[in-house]
Amino acid sequence: MTPPLIGMLHDRDLQQAMTRQVNKLANSGNLLAILEVLDDRQLIQNDAQRFTMALHEYARLAQEKNEISDHLKKRKNFGGNIGRQVAMIFSSILSVIIITIYIVMRITRGF
């Protein structure tokens, strides 16, 4: 009669541990000890709280995944804009250096 009670827990490791405990106690025939294992209110509350926290975290991660997927779908050339900006800055700096060298050479050698 204990599997439905143990099945109410959400944590599978906890379910397995309780099943092992109950099976050990079932051989002794001590119903009071089995009841103490199954009627641990603090354990049940902690399990429910952890399950609720896990549900919230899963929902948050699923939402974040969807947001990232939508963002990537909207940007077909993901990273292309940044690459263009870097190329523009690099070419501008290179142009300024070349023009400066040309002007300095013209001034030092004369017009």
PDB file of N, CA and C in Angstrom:
ATOM      1  N   MET A   1       0.819  -1.205   0.000  1.00  0.00           N
ATOM      2  CA  MET A   1       0.000   0.000   0.000  1.00  0.00           C
ATOM      3  C   MET A   1       0.859   1.263   0.000  1.00  0.00           C
ATOM      4  N   THR A   2       2.151   1.130   0.137  1.00  0.00           N
ATOM      5  CA  THR A   2       3.005   2.327   0.215  1.00  0.00           C
ATOM      6  C   THR A   2       3.398   2.928  -1.124  1.00  0.00           C
ATOM      7  N   PRO A   3       3.432   2.198  -2.245  1.00  0.00           N
ATOM      8  CA  PRO A   3       3.869   2.823  -3.503  1.00  0.00           C
ATOM      9  C   PRO A   3       3.096   4.080  -3.896  1.00  0.00           C
ATOM     10  N   PRO A   4       1.761   4.164  -3.722  1.00  0.00           N
ATOM     11  CA  PRO A   4       1.087   5.424  -4.065  1.00  0.00           C
ATOM     12  C   PRO A   4       1.544   6.590  -3.187  1.00  0.00           C
ATOM     13  N   LEU A   5       1.816   6.313  -1.920  1.00  0.00           N
ATOM     14  CA  LEU A   5       2.287   7.378  -1.029  1.00  0.00           C
ATOM     15  C   LEU A   5       3.675   7.846  -1.432  1.00  0.00           C
ATOM     16  N   ILE A   6       4.530   6.902  -1.730  1.00  0.00           N
ATOM     17  CA  ILE A   6       5.892   7.258  -2.146  1.00  0.00           C
ATOM     18  C   ILE A   6       5.857   7.925  -3.516  1.00  0.00           C
ATOM     19  N   GLY A   7       4.939   7.501  -4.378  1.00  0.00           N
ATOM     20  CA  GLY A   7       4.811   8.083  -5.714  1.00  0.00           C
ATOM     21  C   GLY A   7       4.366   9.538  -5.708  1.00  0.00           C
ATOM     22  N   MET A   8       3.849  10.012  -4.585  1.00  0.00           N
ATOM     23  CA  MET A   8       3.428  11.416  -4.487  1.00  0.00           C
ATOM     24  C   MET A   8       4.637  12.347  -4.418  1.00  0.00           C
ATOM     25  N   LEU A   9       5.779  11.825  -4.049  1.00  0.00           N
ATOM     26  CA  LEU A   9       6.988  12.641  -4.003  1.00  0.00           C
ATOM     27  C   LEU A   9       7.469  12.910  -5.425  1.00  0.00           C
ATOM     28  N   HIS A  10       8.090  14.052  -5.632  1.00  0.00           N
ATOM     29  CA  HIS A  10       8.535  14.432  -6.961  1.00  0.00           C
ATOM     30  C   HIS A  10       9.981  14.016  -7.228  1.00  0.00           C
ATOM     31  N   ASP A  11      10.792  13.968  -6.212  1.00  0.00           N
ATOM     32  CA  ASP A  11      12.209  13.648  -6.348  1.00  0.00           C
ATOM     33  C   ASP A  11      12.381  12.132  -6.464  1.00  0.00           C
ATOM     34  N   ARG A  12      12.894  11.687  -7.602  1.00  0.00           N
ATOM     35  CA  ARG A  12      13.018  10.241  -7.832  1.00  0.00           C
ATOM     36  C   ARG A  12      14.035   9.604  -6.899  1.00  0.00           C
ATOM     37  N   ASP A  13      15.131  10.312  -6.632  1.00  0.00           N
ATOM     38  CA  ASP A  13      16.118   9.760  -5.698  1.00  0.00           C
ATOM     39  C   ASP A  13      15.501   9.572  -4.319  1.00  0.00           C
ATOM     40  N   LEU A  14      14.699  10.554  -3.909  1.00  0.00           N
ATOM     41  CA  LEU A  14      14.018  10.465  -2.618  1.00  0.00           C
ATOM     42  C   LEU A  14      13.020   9.312  -2.618  1.00  0.00           C
ATOM     43  N   GLN A  15      12.310   9.139  -3.724  1.00  0.00           N
ATOM     44  CA  GLN A  15      11.367   8.019  -3.841  1.00  0.00           C
ATOM     45  C   GLN A  15      12.093   6.681  -3.686  1.00  0.00           C
ATOM     46  N   GLN A  16      13.224   6.557  -4.358  1.00  0.00           N
ATOM     47  CA  GLN A  16      13.981   5.306  -4.285  1.00  0.00           C
ATOM     48  C   GLN A  16      14.502   5.055  -2.882  1.00  0.00           C
ATOM     49  N   ALA A  17      14.999   6.118  -2.228  1.00  0.00           N
ATOM     50  CA  ALA A  17      15.520   5.966  -0.868  1.00  0.00           C
ATOM     51  C   ALA A  17      14.406   5.554   0.091  1.00  0.00           C
ATOM     52  N   MET A  18      13.244   6.191  -0.056  1.00  0.00           N
ATOM     53  CA  MET A  18      12.121   5.838   0.832  1.00  0.00           C
ATOM     54  C   MET A  18      11.634   4.422   0.555  1.00  0.00           C
ATOM     55  N   THR A  19      11.626   4.018  -0.703  1.00  0.00           N
ATOM     56  CA  THR A  19      11.216   2.657  -1.040  1.00  0.00           C
ATOM     57  C   THR A  19      12.157   1.647  -0.388  1.00  0.00           C
ATOM     58  N   ARG A  20      13.461   1.921  -0.450  1.00  0.00           N
ATOM     59  CA  ARG A  20      14.423   1.022   0.193  1.00  0.00           C
ATOM     60  C   ARG A  20      14.193   0.962   1.705  1.00  0.00           C
ATOM     61  N   GLN A  21      13.951   2.140   2.314  1.00  0.00           N
ATOM     62  CA  GLN A  21      13.712   2.169   3.759  1.00  0.00           C
ATOM     63  C   GLN A  21      12.460   1.382   4.132  1.00  0.00           C
ATOM     64  N   VAL A  22      11.396   1.603   3.387  1.00  0.00           N
ATOM     65  CA  VAL A  22      10.124   0.921   3.686  1.00  0.00           C
ATOM     66  C   VAL A  22      10.283  -0.581   3.481  1.00  0.00           C
ATOM     67  N   ASN A  23      11.000  -0.992   2.439  1.00  0.00           N
ATOM     68  CA  ASN A  23      11.203  -2.426   2.197  1.00  0.00           C
ATOM     69  C   ASN A  23      11.995  -3.071   3.329  1.00  0.00           C
ATOM     70  N   LYS A  24      13.002  -2.345   3.832  1.00  0.00           N
ATOM     71  CA  LYS A  24      13.760  -2.874   4.965  1.00  0.00           C
ATOM     72  C   LYS A  24      12.868  -3.027   6.193  1.00  0.00           C
ATOM     73  N   LEU A  25      12.036  -2.002   6.429  1.00  0.00           N
ATOM     74  CA  LEU A  25      11.166  -2.028   7.608  1.00  0.00           C
ATOM     75  C   LEU A  25       9.997  -2.993   7.449  1.00  0.00           C
ATOM     76  N   ALA A  26       9.610  -3.242   6.201  1.00  0.00           N
ATOM     77  CA  ALA A  26       8.470  -4.150   5.971  1.00  0.00           C
ATOM     78  C   ALA A  26       8.809  -5.568   6.429  1.00  0.00           C
ATOM     79  N   ASN A  27      10.053  -5.957   6.298  1.00  0.00           N
ATOM     80  CA  ASN A  27      10.453  -7.301   6.732  1.00  0.00           C
ATOM     81  C   ASN A  27      10.378  -7.445   8.251  1.00  0.00           C
ATOM     82  N   SER A  28      10.578  -6.313   8.945  1.00  0.00           N
ATOM     83  CA  SER A  28      10.512  -6.391  10.410  1.00  0.00           C
ATOM     84  C   SER A  28       9.068  -6.413  10.906  1.00  0.00           C
ATOM     85  N   GLY A  29       8.138  -5.888  10.104  1.00  0.00           N
ATOM     86  CA  GLY A  29       6.731  -5.882  10.501  1.00  0.00           C
ATOM     87  C   GLY A  29       6.375  -4.726  11.417  1.00  0.00           C
ATOM     88  N   ASN A  30       7.258  -3.782  11.597  1.00  0.00           N
ATOM     89  CA  ASN A  30       7.025  -2.650  12.484  1.00  0.00           C
ATOM     90  C   ASN A  30       6.284  -1.551  11.710  1.00  0.00           C
ATOM     91  N   LEU A  31       4.991  -1.508  11.846  1.00  0.00           N
ATOM     92  CA  LEU A  31       4.178  -0.532  11.106  1.00  0.00           C
ATOM     93  C   LEU A  31       4.416   0.897  11.575  1.00  0.00           C
ATOM     94  N   LEU A  32       4.716   1.072  12.852  1.00  0.00           N
ATOM     95  CA  LEU A  32       4.970   2.412  13.381  1.00  0.00           C
ATOM     96  C   LEU A  32       6.225   3.017  12.750  1.00  0.00           C
ATOM     97  N   ALA A  33       7.255   2.216  12.563  1.00  0.00           N
ATOM     98  CA  ALA A  33       8.481   2.702  11.927  1.00  0.00           C
ATOM     99  C   ALA A  33       8.219   3.059  10.467  1.00  0.00           C
ATOM    100  N   ILE A  34       7.417   2.254   9.778  1.00  0.00           N
ATOM    101  CA  ILE A  34       7.064   2.555   8.379  1.00  0.00           C
ATOM    102  C   ILE A  34       6.268   3.851   8.310  1.00  0.00           C
ATOM    103  N   LEU A  35       5.359   4.034   9.229  1.00  0.00           N
ATOM    104  CA  LEU A  35       4.556   5.252   9.267  1.00  0.00           C
ATOM    105  C   LEU A  35       5.441   6.475   9.506  1.00  0.00           C
ATOM    106  N   GLU A  36       6.434   6.349  10.369  1.00  0.00           N
ATOM    107  CA  GLU A  36       7.344   7.481  10.624  1.00  0.00           C
ATOM    108  C   GLU A  36       8.124   7.860   9.374  1.00  0.00           C
ATOM    109  N   VAL A  37       8.512   6.886   8.588  1.00  0.00           N
ATOM    110  CA  VAL A  37       9.237   7.160   7.338  1.00  0.00           C
ATOM    111  C   VAL A  37       8.327   7.869   6.347  1.00  0.00           C
ATOM    112  N   LEU A  38       7.089   7.395   6.240  1.00  0.00           N
ATOM    113  CA  LEU A  38       6.165   7.934   5.242  1.00  0.00           C
ATOM    114  C   LEU A  38       5.510   9.245   5.664  1.00  0.00           C
ATOM    115  N   ASP A  39       5.438   9.530   6.953  1.00  0.00           N
ATOM    116  CA  ASP A  39       4.707  10.703   7.439  1.00  0.00           C
ATOM    117  C   ASP A  39       5.656  11.804   7.911  1.00  0.00           C
ATOM    118  N   ASP A  40       6.724  12.027   7.198  1.00  0.00           N
ATOM    119  CA  ASP A  40       7.666  13.097   7.521  1.00  0.00           C
ATOM    120  C   ASP A  40       7.209  14.366   6.802  1.00  0.00           C
ATOM    121  N   ARG A  41       6.461  15.198   7.516  1.00  0.00           N
ATOM    122  CA  ARG A  41       5.862  16.398   6.900  1.00  0.00           C
ATOM    123  C   ARG A  41       6.925  17.363   6.378  1.00  0.00           C
ATOM    124  N   GLN A  42       8.005  17.510   7.105  1.00  0.00           N
ATOM    125  CA  GLN A  42       9.067  18.424   6.673  1.00  0.00           C
ATOM    126  C   GLN A  42       9.670  17.952   5.350  1.00  0.00           C
ATOM    127  N   LEU A  43       9.876  16.658   5.226  1.00  0.00           N
ATOM    128  CA  LEU A  43      10.416  16.077   4.008  1.00  0.00           C
ATOM    129  C   LEU A  43       9.462  16.307   2.834  1.00  0.00           C
ATOM    130  N   ILE A  44       8.184  16.114   3.072  1.00  0.00           N
ATOM    131  CA  ILE A  44       7.180  16.306   2.017  1.00  0.00           C
ATOM    132  C   ILE A  44       7.097  17.769   1.602  1.00  0.00           C
ATOM    133  N   GLN A  45       7.147  18.680   2.582  1.00  0.00           N
ATOM    134  CA  GLN A  45       7.106  20.113   2.267  1.00  0.00           C
ATOM    135  C   GLN A  45       8.351  20.539   1.489  1.00  0.00           C
ATOM    136  N   ASN A  46       9.513  20.058   1.906  1.00  0.00           N
ATOM    137  CA  ASN A  46      10.746  20.396   1.190  1.00  0.00           C
ATOM    138  C   ASN A  46      10.715  19.878  -0.242  1.00  0.00           C
ATOM    139  N   ASP A  47      10.193  18.679  -0.415  1.00  0.00           N
ATOM    140  CA  ASP A  47      10.073  18.110  -1.755  1.00  0.00           C
ATOM    141  C   ASP A  47       9.151  18.970  -2.613  1.00  0.00           C
ATOM    142  N   ALA A  48       8.038  19.387  -2.060  1.00  0.00           N
ATOM    143  CA  ALA A  48       7.089  20.224  -2.807  1.00  0.00           C
ATOM    144  C   ALA A  48       7.708  21.580  -3.147  1.00  0.00           C
ATOM    145  N   GLN A  49       8.441  22.161  -2.211  1.00  0.00           N
ATOM    146  CA  GLN A  49       9.091  23.456  -2.465  1.00  0.00           C
ATOM    147  C   GLN A  49      10.148  23.328  -3.555  1.00  0.00           C
ATOM    148  N   ARG A  50      10.966  22.290  -3.479  1.00  0.00           N
ATOM    149  CA  ARG A  50      11.996  22.089  -4.505  1.00  0.00           C
ATOM    150  C   ARG A  50      11.360  21.852  -5.870  1.00  0.00           C
ATOM    151  N   PHE A  51      10.240  21.120  -5.890  1.00  0.00           N
ATOM    152  CA  PHE A  51       9.551  20.874  -7.150  1.00  0.00           C
ATOM    153  C   PHE A  51       9.001  22.174  -7.738  1.00  0.00           C
ATOM    154  N   THR A  52       8.418  23.010  -6.892  1.00  0.00           N
ATOM    155  CA  THR A  52       7.892  24.295  -7.349  1.00  0.00           C
ATOM    156  C   THR A  52       9.017  25.183  -7.882  1.00  0.00           C
ATOM    157  N   MET A  53      10.142  25.205  -7.172  1.00  0.00           N
ATOM    158  CA  MET A  53      11.287  25.999  -7.632  1.00  0.00           C
ATOM    159  C   MET A  53      11.807  25.470  -8.965  1.00  0.00           C
ATOM    160  N   ALA A  54      11.839  24.151  -9.117  1.00  0.00           N
ATOM    161  CA  ALA A  54      12.294  23.559 -10.372  1.00  0.00           C
ATOM    162  C   ALA A  54      11.346  23.897 -11.520  1.00  0.00           C
ATOM    163  N   LEU A  55      10.049  23.904 -11.248  1.00  0.00           N
ATOM    164  CA  LEU A  55       9.073  24.283 -12.280  1.00  0.00           C
ATOM    165  C   LEU A  55       9.277  25.727 -12.724  1.00  0.00           C
ATOM    166  N   HIS A  56       9.484  26.620 -11.757  1.00  0.00           N
ATOM    167  CA  HIS A  56       9.709  28.036 -12.092  1.00  0.00           C
ATOM    168  C   HIS A  56      11.003  28.212 -12.889  1.00  0.00           C
ATOM    169  N   GLU A  57      12.046  27.510 -12.484  1.00  0.00           N
ATOM    170  CA  GLU A  57      13.313  27.616 -13.203  1.00  0.00           C
ATOM    171  C   GLU A  57      13.174  27.068 -14.622  1.00  0.00           C
ATOM    172  N   TYR A  58      12.455  25.961 -14.763  1.00  0.00           N
ATOM    173  CA  TYR A  58      12.242  25.396 -16.090  1.00  0.00           C
ATOM    174  C   TYR A  58      11.462  26.373 -16.977  1.00  0.00           C
ATOM    175  N   ALA A  59      10.430  26.983 -16.422  1.00  0.00           N
ATOM    176  CA  ALA A  59       9.632  27.942 -17.190  1.00  0.00           C
ATOM    177  C   ALA A  59      10.492  29.137 -17.604  1.00  0.00           C
ATOM    178  N   ARG A  60      11.336  29.602 -16.689  1.00  0.00           N
ATOM    179  CA  ARG A  60      12.206  30.745 -16.989  1.00  0.00           C
ATOM    180  C   ARG A  60      13.214  30.388 -18.084  1.00  0.00           C
ATOM    181  N   LEU A  61      13.802  29.194 -17.995  1.00  0.00           N
ATOM    182  CA  LEU A  61      14.763  28.763 -19.003  1.00  0.00           C
ATOM    183  C   LEU A  61      14.102  28.532 -20.357  1.00  0.00           C
ATOM    184  N   ALA A  62      12.887  27.994 -20.349  1.00  0.00           N
ATOM    185  CA  ALA A  62      12.159  27.792 -21.607  1.00  0.00           C
ATOM    186  C   ALA A  62      11.843  29.130 -22.257  1.00  0.00           C
ATOM    187  N   GLN A  63      11.460  30.117 -21.442  1.00  0.00           N
ATOM    188  CA  GLN A  63      11.176  31.445 -21.976  1.00  0.00           C
ATOM    189  C   GLN A  63      12.449  32.078 -22.536  1.00  0.00           C
ATOM    190  N   GLU A  64      13.553  31.936 -21.821  1.00  0.00           N
ATOM    191  CA  GLU A  64      14.818  32.491 -22.291  1.00  0.00           C
ATOM    192  C   GLU A  64      15.256  31.826 -23.596  1.00  0.00           C
ATOM    193  N   LYS A  65      15.055  30.509 -23.699  1.00  0.00           N
ATOM    194  CA  LYS A  65      15.388  29.788 -24.932  1.00  0.00           C
ATOM    195  C   LYS A  65      14.556  30.313 -26.096  1.00  0.00           C
ATOM    196  N   ASN A  66      13.267  30.513 -25.860  1.00  0.00           N
ATOM    197  CA  ASN A  66      12.396  31.031 -26.919  1.00  0.00           C
ATOM    198  C   ASN A  66      12.797  32.437 -27.336  1.00  0.00           C
ATOM    199  N   GLU A  67      13.167  33.274 -26.364  1.00  0.00           N
ATOM    200  CA  GLU A  67      13.593  34.636 -26.684  1.00  0.00           C
ATOM    201  C   GLU A  67      14.862  34.626 -27.528  1.00  0.00           C
ATOM    202  N   ILE A  68      15.805  33.775 -27.167  1.00  0.00           N
ATOM    203  CA  ILE A  68      17.054  33.698 -27.931  1.00  0.00           C
ATOM    204  C   ILE A  68      16.780  33.153 -29.332  1.00  0.00           C
ATOM    205  N   SER A  69      15.926  32.144 -29.437  1.00  0.00           N
ATOM    206  CA  SER A  69      15.585  31.591 -30.755  1.00  0.00           C
ATOM    207  C   SER A  69      14.911  32.646 -31.625  1.00  0.00           C
ATOM    208  N   ASP A  70      13.985  33.390 -31.055  1.00  0.00           N
ATOM    209  CA  ASP A  70      13.311  34.452 -31.812  1.00  0.00           C
ATOM    210  C   ASP A  70      14.312  35.521 -32.245  1.00  0.00           C
ATOM    211  N   HIS A  71      15.219  35.873 -31.351  1.00  0.00           N
ATOM    212  CA  HIS A  71      16.227  36.897 -31.664  1.00  0.00           C
ATOM    213  C   HIS A  71      17.114  36.424 -32.812  1.00  0.00           C
ATOM    214  N   LEU A  72      17.515  35.153 -32.789  1.00  0.00           N
ATOM    215  CA  LEU A  72      18.369  34.630 -33.852  1.00  0.00           C
ATOM    216  C   LEU A  72      17.617  34.509 -35.179  1.00  0.00           C
ATOM    217  N   LYS A  73      16.329  34.191 -35.115  1.00  0.00           N
ATOM    218  CA  LYS A  73      15.541  34.103 -36.345  1.00  0.00           C
ATOM    219  C   LYS A  73      15.382  35.477 -36.986  1.00  0.00           C
ATOM    220  N   LYS A  74      15.259  36.516 -36.156  1.00  0.00           N
ATOM    221  CA  LYS A  74      15.070  37.868 -36.681  1.00  0.00           C
ATOM    222  C   LYS A  74      16.340  38.392 -37.333  1.00  0.00           C
ATOM    223  N   ARG A  75      17.470  37.931 -36.847  1.00  0.00           N
ATOM    224  CA  ARG A  75      18.748  38.406 -37.374  1.00  0.00           C
ATOM    225  C   ARG A  75      19.359  37.319 -38.245  1.00  0.00           C
ATOM    226  N   LYS A  76      19.076  37.399 -39.537  1.00  0.00           N
ATOM    227  CA  LYS A  76      19.589  36.383 -40.452  1.00  0.00           C
ATOM    228  C   LYS A  76      21.111  36.417 -40.515  1.00  0.00           C
ATOM    229  N   ASN A  77      21.658  37.599 -40.525  1.00  0.00           N
ATOM    230  CA  ASN A  77      23.116  37.752 -40.584  1.00  0.00           C
ATOM    231  C   ASN A  77      23.643  38.062 -39.200  1.00  0.00           C
ATOM    232  N   PHE A  78      23.436  37.150 -38.280  1.00  0.00           N
ATOM    233  CA  PHE A  78      23.851  37.354 -36.892  1.00  0.00           C
ATOM    234  C   PHE A  78      25.355  37.603 -36.847  1.00  0.00           C
ATOM    235  N   GLY A  79      25.728  38.743 -36.327  1.00  0.00           N
ATOM    236  CA  GLY A  79      27.138  39.109 -36.230  1.00  0.00           C
ATOM    237  C   GLY A  79      27.626  39.885 -37.432  1.00  0.00           C
ATOM    238  N   GLY A  80      26.862  39.920 -38.500  1.00  0.00           N
ATOM    239  CA  GLY A  80      27.278  40.636 -39.711  1.00  0.00           C
ATOM    240  C   GLY A  80      27.395  42.128 -39.495  1.00  0.00           C
ATOM    241  N   ASN A  81      26.476  42.695 -38.750  1.00  0.00           N
ATOM    242  CA  ASN A  81      26.516  44.136 -38.498  1.00  0.00           C
ATOM    243  C   ASN A  81      27.747  44.518 -37.693  1.00  0.00           C
ATOM    244  N   ILE A  82      28.082  43.729 -36.700  1.00  0.00           N
ATOM    245  CA  ILE A  82      29.264  44.021 -35.892  1.00  0.00           C
ATOM    246  C   ILE A  82      30.517  43.904 -36.753  1.00  0.00           C
ATOM    247  N   GLY A  83      30.558  42.906 -37.613  1.00  0.00           N
ATOM    248  CA  GLY A  83      31.708  42.738 -38.516  1.00  0.00           C
ATOM    249  C   GLY A  83      31.868  43.927 -39.442  1.00  0.00           C
ATOM    250  N   ARG A  84      30.767  44.443 -39.954  1.00  0.00           N
ATOM    251  CA  ARG A  84      30.828  45.631 -40.825  1.00  0.00           C
ATOM    252  C   ARG A  84      31.345  46.842 -40.062  1.00  0.00           C
ATOM    253  N   GLN A  85      30.889  46.999 -38.843  1.00  0.00           N
ATOM    254  CA  GLN A  85      31.342  48.143 -38.037  1.00  0.00           C
ATOM    255  C   GLN A  85      32.836  48.049 -37.741  1.00  0.00           C
ATOM    256  N   VAL A  86      33.312  46.875 -37.408  1.00  0.00           N
ATOM    257  CA  VAL A  86      34.746  46.693 -37.139  1.00  0.00           C
ATOM    258  C   VAL A  86      35.546  46.976 -38.405  1.00  0.00           C
ATOM    259  N   ALA A  87      35.093  46.482 -39.547  1.00  0.00           N
ATOM    260  CA  ALA A  87      35.781  46.727 -40.815  1.00  0.00           C
ATOM    261  C   ALA A  87      35.799  48.213 -41.147  1.00  0.00           C
ATOM    262  N   MET A  88      34.694  48.899 -40.878  1.00  0.00           N
ATOM    263  CA  MET A  88      34.625  50.331 -41.155  1.00  0.00           C
ATOM    264  C   MET A  88      35.624  51.104 -40.287  1.00  0.00           C
ATOM    265  N   ILE A  89      35.678  50.775 -39.012  1.00  0.00           N
ATOM    266  CA  ILE A  89      36.600  51.464 -38.107  1.00  0.00           C
ATOM    267  C   ILE A  89      38.043  51.185 -38.512  1.00  0.00           C
ATOM    268  N   PHE A  90      38.353  49.924 -38.816  1.00  0.00           N
ATOM    269  CA  PHE A  90      39.707  49.560 -39.218  1.00  0.00           C
ATOM    270  C   PHE A  90      40.113  50.291 -40.490  1.00  0.00           C
ATOM    271  N   SER A  91      39.242  50.313 -41.486  1.00  0.00           N
ATOM    272  CA  SER A  91      39.577  50.987 -42.746  1.00  0.00           C
ATOM    273  C   SER A  91      39.696  52.495 -42.545  1.00  0.00           C
ATOM    274  N   SER A  92      38.894  53.074 -41.665  1.00  0.00           N
ATOM    275  CA  SER A  92      39.005  54.512 -41.391  1.00  0.00           C
ATOM    276  C   SER A  92      40.340  54.840 -40.740  1.00  0.00           C
ATOM    277  N   ILE A  93      40.733  54.045 -39.767  1.00  0.00           N
ATOM    278  CA  ILE A  93      42.013  54.280 -39.094  1.00  0.00           C
ATOM    279  C   ILE A  93      43.166  54.097 -40.074  1.00  0.00           C
ATOM    280  N   LEU A  94      43.116  53.081 -40.905  1.00  0.00           N
ATOM    281  CA  LEU A  94      44.152  52.852 -41.905  1.00  0.00           C
ATOM    282  C   LEU A  94      44.213  53.997 -42.906  1.00  0.00           C
ATOM    283  N   SER A  95      43.063  54.506 -43.316  1.00  0.00           N
ATOM    284  CA  SER A  95      43.025  55.635 -44.250  1.00  0.00           C
ATOM    285  C   SER A  95      43.643  56.878 -43.631  1.00  0.00           C
ATOM    286  N   VAL A  96      43.328  57.150 -42.368  1.00  0.00           N
ATOM    287  CA  VAL A  96      43.891  58.323 -41.686  1.00  0.00           C
ATOM    288  C   VAL A  96      45.409  58.193 -41.596  1.00  0.00           C
ATOM    289  N   ILE A  97      45.906  57.005 -41.296  1.00  0.00           N
ATOM    290  CA  ILE A  97      47.358  56.805 -41.193  1.00  0.00           C
ATOM    291  C   ILE A  97      48.028  57.014 -42.551  1.00  0.00           C
ATOM    292  N   ILE A  98      47.463  56.475 -43.619  1.00  0.00           N
ATOM    293  CA  ILE A  98      48.039  56.622 -44.957  1.00  0.00           C
ATOM    294  C   ILE A  98      48.022  58.076 -45.397  1.00  0.00           C
ATOM    295  N   ILE A  99      46.908  58.753 -45.165  1.00  0.00           N
ATOM    296  CA  ILE A  99      46.811  60.170 -45.545  1.00  0.00           C
ATOM    297  C   ILE A  99      47.806  61.005 -44.753  1.00  0.00           C
ATOM    298  N   THR A 100      47.960  60.721 -43.459  1.00  0.00           N
ATOM    299  CA  THR A 100      48.907  61.459 -42.625  1.00  0.00           C
ATOM    300  C   THR A 100      50.335  61.246 -43.115  1.00  0.00           C
ATOM    301  N   ILE A 101      50.693  60.019 -43.442  1.00  0.00           N
ATOM    302  CA  ILE A 101      52.035  59.736 -43.963  1.00  0.00           C
ATOM    303  C   ILE A 101      52.254  60.466 -45.284  1.00  0.00           C
ATOM    304  N   TYR A 102      51.257  60.478 -46.150  1.00  0.00           N
ATOM    305  CA  TYR A 102      51.368  61.169 -47.438  1.00  0.00           C
ATOM    306  C   TYR A 102      51.581  62.668 -47.236  1.00  0.00           C
ATOM    307  N   ILE A 103      50.805  63.252 -46.323  1.00  0.00           N
ATOM    308  CA  ILE A 103      50.936  64.694 -46.072  1.00  0.00           C
ATOM    309  C   ILE A 103      52.306  65.012 -45.473  1.00  0.00           C
ATOM    310  N   VAL A 104      52.769  64.218 -44.539  1.00  0.00           N
ATOM    311  CA  VAL A 104      54.080  64.459 -43.920  1.00  0.00           C
ATOM    312  C   VAL A 104      55.186  64.339 -44.963  1.00  0.00           C
ATOM    313  N   MET A 105      55.097  63.365 -45.844  1.00  0.00           N
ATOM    314  CA  MET A 105      56.115  63.202 -46.891  1.00  0.00           C
ATOM    315  C   MET A 105      56.091  64.368 -47.864  1.00  0.00           C
ATOM    316  N   ARG A 106      54.919  64.862 -48.197  1.00  0.00           N
ATOM    317  CA  ARG A 106      54.825  66.012 -49.125  1.00  0.00           C
ATOM    318  C   ARG A 106      55.411  67.278 -48.506  1.00  0.00           C
ATOM    319  N   ILE A 107      55.157  67.430 -47.176  1.00  0.00           N
ATOM    320  CA  ILE A 107      55.652  68.632 -46.518  1.00  0.00           C
ATOM    321  C   ILE A 107      57.164  68.573 -46.347  1.00  0.00           C
ATOM    322  N   THR A 108      57.702  67.466 -45.988  1.00  0.00           N
ATOM    323  CA  THR A 108      59.144  67.346 -45.762  1.00  0.00           C
ATOM    324  C   THR A 108      59.940  67.376 -47.051  1.00  0.00           C
ATOM    325  N   ARG A 109      59.417  66.935 -48.166  1.00  0.00           N
ATOM    326  CA  ARG A 109      60.123  66.941 -49.444  1.00  0.00           C
ATOM    327  C   ARG A 109      59.785  68.182 -50.269  1.00  0.00           C
ATOM    328  N   GLY A 110      58.792  68.896 -49.836  1.00  0.00           N
ATOM    329  CA  GLY A 110      58.376  70.103 -50.557  1.00  0.00           C
ATOM    330  C   GLY A 110      57.262  69.802 -51.505  1.00  0.00           C
ATOM    331  N   PHE A 111      56.613  70.833 -51.942  1.00  0.00           N
ATOM    332  CA  PHE A 111      55.445  70.665 -52.839  1.00  0.00           C
ATOM    333  C   PHE A 111      55.948  70.416 -54.192  1.00  0.00           C
TER     334      PHE A 111
END
